[in-house]
Amino acid sequence: MKTTMLTMVAIASIATADTITVGTTKDNTLYDDSFGLLNSNGAGTWMFCGSSGSGLRRGLMQFDLSAIPAGSTIDAVTLTLRMDRTIAGPAACSVHPVLQDWGEGTSDASGQEGGGASATPGDVTWTHTFFPGNFWTTPGGDYTAAASATTTVGGNGSYDWTSPAMAADVQGWLDAPATNFGWVLIGDEVTLPSAKRFATRENPVASARPALRIDFTPPADCAPDLNGDTILD
C-alpha cells in the first residue's frame, strides 16, 4: 500500500508534456470599403485577407485556452487554416496579436462573401470593435506591428503558421486571459488584387475550420493526461 501511494504521488508530481487542439471561439473579417460601407461577416463561413477591387480585407480569430491548466508552459503552437479561393498567386500572409477585444455579430454575407454584409450589433468592422458604439483606435484594427509568424499562401489547401513568437503570444494569453484578443491575419495589401479566402468556424466542412494545436507542459503539481484523451486525469 505504501509503495502504491508513493508511486501515485510521484506520478502526480511529474510535469508531463501534453497537446491539445482547439478551434476558434469567434472569427470575422475587417472589410475596408472604398464607398465607406460598414460591413462584417460574423456568421459567415469564410474570412479574408489581402486586397480586392473594393478595398483591403483582414481576418480575425480568437481561441479559447481555458482547457489548459493555469501555470502551464507553452512549448509550441501551430495554427492551421484552410484556403479555398484566391484571385492571385502566392502571397505572404502574417498573423499579428490584436490589442483590443472585438465582436462577432449575426451578419452573414451572401454569395462568395468577399464583400461582406451590413454590420449587425456586436459586429467588428473596419472602424468598430463592436458596432455601433465602440471603435478601434486605428481604423483597420489595433495590433502589434511585428508579425508573430508569416506563411506564403499559394493554391487551395491547408497552411500552417508556427513560431516561438506565436508560442509567446499564447503564453501571454494563458497567463493573462483578459488580454486574449486573438490574431489578425494580414495578406498582401500592395498588389491588386490579392485576396484569399479561408474557412471559419461556421464552415460546414468541419475539417476545414481553423485549428490551433498547442504543445504545453502543465505545472508539476498538475495531474498528467495518462490515458491520452486530452483531459488531465
Protein backbone atom coordinates (compact mmCIF):
# COMPACT_ATOMS: atom_id res chain seq x y z
CA MET A 1 0.00 0.00 0.00
CA LYS A 2 2.82 2.40 0.95
CA THR A 3 4.63 1.70 -2.34
CA THR A 4 1.46 2.27 -4.35
CA MET A 5 0.77 5.57 -2.64
CA LEU A 6 4.33 6.76 -3.17
CA THR A 7 4.11 5.83 -6.83
CA MET A 8 0.86 7.76 -7.26
CA VAL A 9 2.38 10.82 -5.60
CA ALA A 10 5.44 10.58 -7.82
CA ILE A 11 3.34 10.33 -10.99
CA ALA A 12 1.19 13.30 -9.97
CA SER A 13 4.24 15.46 -9.32
CA ILE A 14 5.90 14.85 -12.69
CA ALA A 15 5.28 17.57 -15.29
CA THR A 16 4.39 15.69 -18.47
CA ALA A 17 4.18 17.43 -21.83
CA ASP A 18 0.71 17.41 -23.37
CA THR A 19 -1.02 18.54 -26.56
CA ILE A 20 -4.46 19.99 -27.23
CA THR A 21 -6.10 21.25 -30.42
CA VAL A 22 -8.75 23.96 -30.15
CA GLY A 23 -10.95 25.78 -32.64
CA THR A 24 -11.88 29.44 -32.78
CA THR A 25 -14.43 30.85 -30.36
CA LYS A 26 -15.05 33.70 -32.80
CA ASP A 27 -13.75 34.81 -36.19
CA ASN A 28 -14.65 37.57 -38.62
CA THR A 29 -13.33 39.83 -41.37
CA LEU A 30 -12.41 43.51 -41.41
CA TYR A 31 -13.75 44.96 -44.68
CA ASP A 32 -12.19 48.20 -45.88
CA ASP A 33 -14.74 49.56 -48.33
CA SER A 34 -13.99 52.30 -50.85
CA PHE A 35 -17.59 53.54 -50.50
CA GLY A 36 -17.42 53.70 -46.70
CA LEU A 37 -19.82 50.81 -46.09
CA LEU A 38 -19.69 49.30 -42.59
CA ASN A 39 -19.61 45.62 -43.44
CA SER A 40 -18.80 42.49 -41.49
CA ASN A 41 -19.33 38.70 -41.70
CA GLY A 42 -19.85 37.44 -38.17
CA ALA A 43 -21.92 34.39 -39.10
CA GLY A 44 -20.22 33.79 -42.44
CA THR A 45 -18.45 30.61 -43.45
CA TRP A 46 -15.31 32.37 -44.70
CA MET A 47 -12.90 35.13 -43.72
CA PHE A 48 -10.48 37.00 -45.96
CA CYS A 49 -7.12 38.71 -46.14
CA GLY A 50 -5.37 40.71 -48.86
CA SER A 51 -6.87 43.25 -51.23
CA SER A 52 -9.88 43.13 -53.51
CA GLY A 53 -11.21 45.55 -56.07
CA SER A 54 -13.13 47.44 -53.38
CA GLY A 55 -10.64 47.55 -50.50
CA LEU A 56 -8.48 45.64 -48.04
CA ARG A 57 -9.52 42.53 -46.11
CA ARG A 58 -8.15 41.31 -42.78
CA GLY A 59 -9.19 38.14 -40.96
CA LEU A 60 -9.71 37.98 -37.20
CA MET A 61 -9.67 34.89 -35.00
CA GLN A 62 -9.65 34.13 -31.27
CA PHE A 63 -9.12 30.81 -29.47
CA ASP A 64 -10.33 29.61 -26.06
CA LEU A 65 -7.42 28.50 -23.86
CA SER A 66 -9.45 27.56 -20.78
CA ALA A 67 -8.71 23.83 -21.18
CA ILE A 68 -5.01 24.46 -20.49
CA PRO A 69 -4.17 24.43 -16.76
CA ALA A 70 -3.10 27.75 -15.30
CA GLY A 71 0.64 27.89 -14.76
CA SER A 72 1.41 25.71 -17.78
CA THR A 73 4.35 26.42 -20.05
CA ILE A 74 3.52 26.78 -23.74
CA ASP A 75 6.16 24.85 -25.69
CA ALA A 76 4.92 25.34 -29.26
CA VAL A 77 1.79 26.25 -31.23
CA THR A 78 0.69 25.63 -34.80
CA LEU A 79 -2.20 27.47 -36.44
CA THR A 80 -3.81 25.68 -39.40
CA LEU A 81 -6.13 27.47 -41.82
CA ARG A 82 -7.81 26.16 -44.98
CA MET A 83 -7.66 28.47 -48.00
CA ASP A 84 -10.16 27.57 -50.72
CA ARG A 85 -10.40 30.56 -53.07
CA THR A 86 -7.97 33.17 -54.36
CA ILE A 87 -7.72 35.73 -57.15
CA ALA A 88 -3.93 35.91 -57.22
CA GLY A 89 -0.71 33.92 -56.97
CA PRO A 90 1.33 33.09 -53.85
CA ALA A 91 1.41 35.81 -51.20
CA ALA A 92 2.83 36.23 -47.71
CA CYS A 93 0.12 36.12 -45.03
CA SER A 94 1.04 37.11 -41.47
CA VAL A 95 -0.56 36.85 -38.04
CA HIS A 96 -0.29 39.72 -35.54
CA PRO A 97 -1.65 39.80 -31.96
CA VAL A 98 -4.74 42.01 -31.65
CA LEU A 99 -4.69 44.67 -28.92
CA GLN A 100 -8.44 45.25 -28.37
CA ASP A 101 -11.44 42.99 -27.94
CA TRP A 102 -13.76 42.75 -30.95
CA GLY A 103 -17.08 41.24 -31.90
CA GLU A 104 -18.78 38.57 -33.95
CA GLY A 105 -22.39 39.52 -34.67
CA THR A 106 -25.01 37.91 -36.90
CA SER A 107 -24.02 39.44 -40.24
CA ASP A 108 -23.84 36.79 -42.96
CA ALA A 109 -22.58 37.75 -46.39
CA SER A 110 -24.17 36.22 -49.47
CA GLY A 111 -22.50 34.51 -52.42
CA GLN A 112 -18.74 34.15 -52.14
CA GLU A 113 -18.80 36.56 -49.14
CA GLY A 114 -15.97 38.74 -50.42
CA GLY A 115 -17.91 41.98 -49.96
CA GLY A 116 -19.34 41.21 -46.53
CA ALA A 117 -22.79 42.20 -45.29
CA SER A 118 -24.12 45.16 -43.33
CA ALA A 119 -22.82 45.03 -39.77
CA THR A 120 -25.24 43.97 -37.03
CA PRO A 121 -24.99 44.94 -33.34
CA GLY A 122 -21.86 43.43 -31.84
CA ASP A 123 -20.03 43.01 -35.15
CA VAL A 124 -16.50 44.16 -35.78
CA THR A 125 -15.98 46.49 -38.77
CA TRP A 126 -13.03 48.35 -40.26
CA THR A 127 -13.70 51.19 -37.81
CA HIS A 128 -15.62 49.45 -34.98
CA THR A 129 -14.55 46.89 -32.41
CA PHE A 130 -18.24 46.38 -31.59
CA PHE A 131 -20.76 48.01 -33.92
CA PRO A 132 -22.27 50.55 -33.48
CA GLY A 133 -20.74 52.19 -30.41
CA ASN A 134 -17.15 51.01 -29.87
CA PHE A 135 -14.21 51.85 -32.10
CA TRP A 136 -10.68 50.85 -32.96
CA THR A 137 -8.06 53.45 -32.10
CA THR A 138 -6.79 52.99 -35.66
CA PRO A 139 -9.20 52.04 -38.47
CA GLY A 140 -8.36 48.55 -39.69
CA GLY A 141 -7.67 47.23 -36.22
CA ASP A 142 -5.23 47.72 -33.36
CA TYR A 143 -2.48 45.09 -33.46
CA THR A 144 1.25 44.72 -32.94
CA ALA A 145 3.31 46.00 -35.85
CA ALA A 146 5.62 42.99 -35.80
CA ALA A 147 4.17 39.78 -37.24
CA SER A 148 4.29 36.73 -34.98
CA ALA A 149 4.57 34.42 -38.00
CA THR A 150 4.35 34.59 -41.78
CA THR A 151 3.46 31.86 -44.27
CA THR A 152 3.34 32.03 -48.06
CA VAL A 153 -0.14 31.02 -49.23
CA GLY A 154 -0.46 29.83 -52.81
CA GLY A 155 -3.10 27.49 -54.22
CA ASN A 156 -6.06 25.94 -52.43
CA GLY A 157 -5.15 23.86 -49.39
CA SER A 158 -4.25 23.93 -45.71
CA TYR A 159 -1.48 26.18 -44.41
CA ASP A 160 0.36 26.32 -41.09
CA TRP A 161 1.72 29.22 -39.05
CA THR A 162 4.15 28.40 -36.24
CA SER A 163 6.95 30.25 -34.45
CA PRO A 164 8.39 30.94 -31.00
CA ALA A 165 6.65 34.34 -31.14
CA MET A 166 3.26 32.66 -31.56
CA ALA A 167 4.02 30.41 -28.58
CA ALA A 168 4.87 33.55 -26.61
CA ASP A 169 1.55 35.10 -27.67
CA VAL A 170 -0.38 32.10 -26.36
CA GLN A 171 1.70 32.03 -23.16
CA GLY A 172 0.80 35.66 -22.54
CA TRP A 173 -2.89 35.00 -23.13
CA LEU A 174 -2.83 31.98 -20.83
CA ASP A 175 -1.14 33.95 -18.07
CA ALA A 176 -3.42 36.99 -18.55
CA PRO A 177 -6.72 35.79 -20.12
CA ALA A 178 -8.11 39.34 -20.25
CA THR A 179 -5.52 40.15 -22.93
CA ASN A 180 -6.53 37.30 -25.25
CA PHE A 181 -7.91 39.10 -28.30
CA GLY A 182 -6.51 36.62 -30.81
CA TRP A 183 -4.69 37.31 -34.07
CA VAL A 184 -5.37 39.35 -37.17
CA LEU A 185 -4.45 37.74 -40.50
CA ILE A 186 -2.92 40.24 -42.92
CA GLY A 187 -2.10 39.38 -46.53
CA ASP A 188 -0.59 41.24 -49.47
CA GLU A 189 -2.05 44.75 -49.22
CA VAL A 190 0.06 46.25 -52.00
CA THR A 191 -0.68 44.08 -55.03
CA LEU A 192 -4.15 44.45 -56.56
CA PRO A 193 -5.94 42.12 -56.38
CA SER A 194 -4.53 39.64 -53.86
CA ALA A 195 -7.45 38.49 -51.68
CA LYS A 196 -7.50 34.97 -50.26
CA ARG A 197 -10.43 33.21 -48.59
CA PHE A 198 -10.19 30.97 -45.53
CA ALA A 199 -12.75 28.76 -43.77
CA THR A 200 -14.20 29.95 -40.45
CA ARG A 201 -15.68 28.07 -37.51
CA GLU A 202 -19.09 28.26 -39.20
CA ASN A 203 -17.84 26.44 -42.30
CA PRO A 204 -19.91 23.30 -42.98
CA VAL A 205 -16.73 21.27 -43.55
CA ALA A 206 -15.52 20.59 -40.02
CA SER A 207 -12.01 19.59 -41.11
CA ALA A 208 -11.58 22.97 -42.85
CA ARG A 209 -12.23 25.11 -39.77
CA PRO A 210 -9.37 26.97 -38.05
CA ALA A 211 -7.40 24.82 -35.63
CA LEU A 212 -4.72 25.72 -33.10
CA ARG A 213 -2.50 22.88 -31.89
CA ILE A 214 -0.88 23.73 -28.56
CA ASP A 215 2.01 21.75 -27.05
CA PHE A 216 2.37 22.58 -23.37
CA THR A 217 3.84 21.36 -20.12
CA PRO A 218 1.44 21.59 -17.17
CA PRO A 219 2.73 22.66 -13.76
CA ALA A 220 4.45 19.92 -11.78
CA ASP A 221 1.58 19.58 -9.30
CA CYS A 222 -1.00 19.05 -12.08
CA ALA A 223 -2.22 15.51 -12.81
CA PRO A 224 -0.94 14.22 -16.19
CA ASP A 225 -3.11 13.02 -19.08
CA LEU A 226 -2.41 9.33 -18.51
CA ASN A 227 -4.97 7.96 -20.99
CA GLY A 228 -4.30 10.43 -23.82
CA ASP A 229 -7.87 11.78 -24.01
CA THR A 230 -6.69 15.44 -23.79
CA ILE A 231 -8.29 15.66 -20.32
CA LEU A 232 -5.86 15.90 -17.43
CA ASP A 233 -6.57 12.95 -15.14
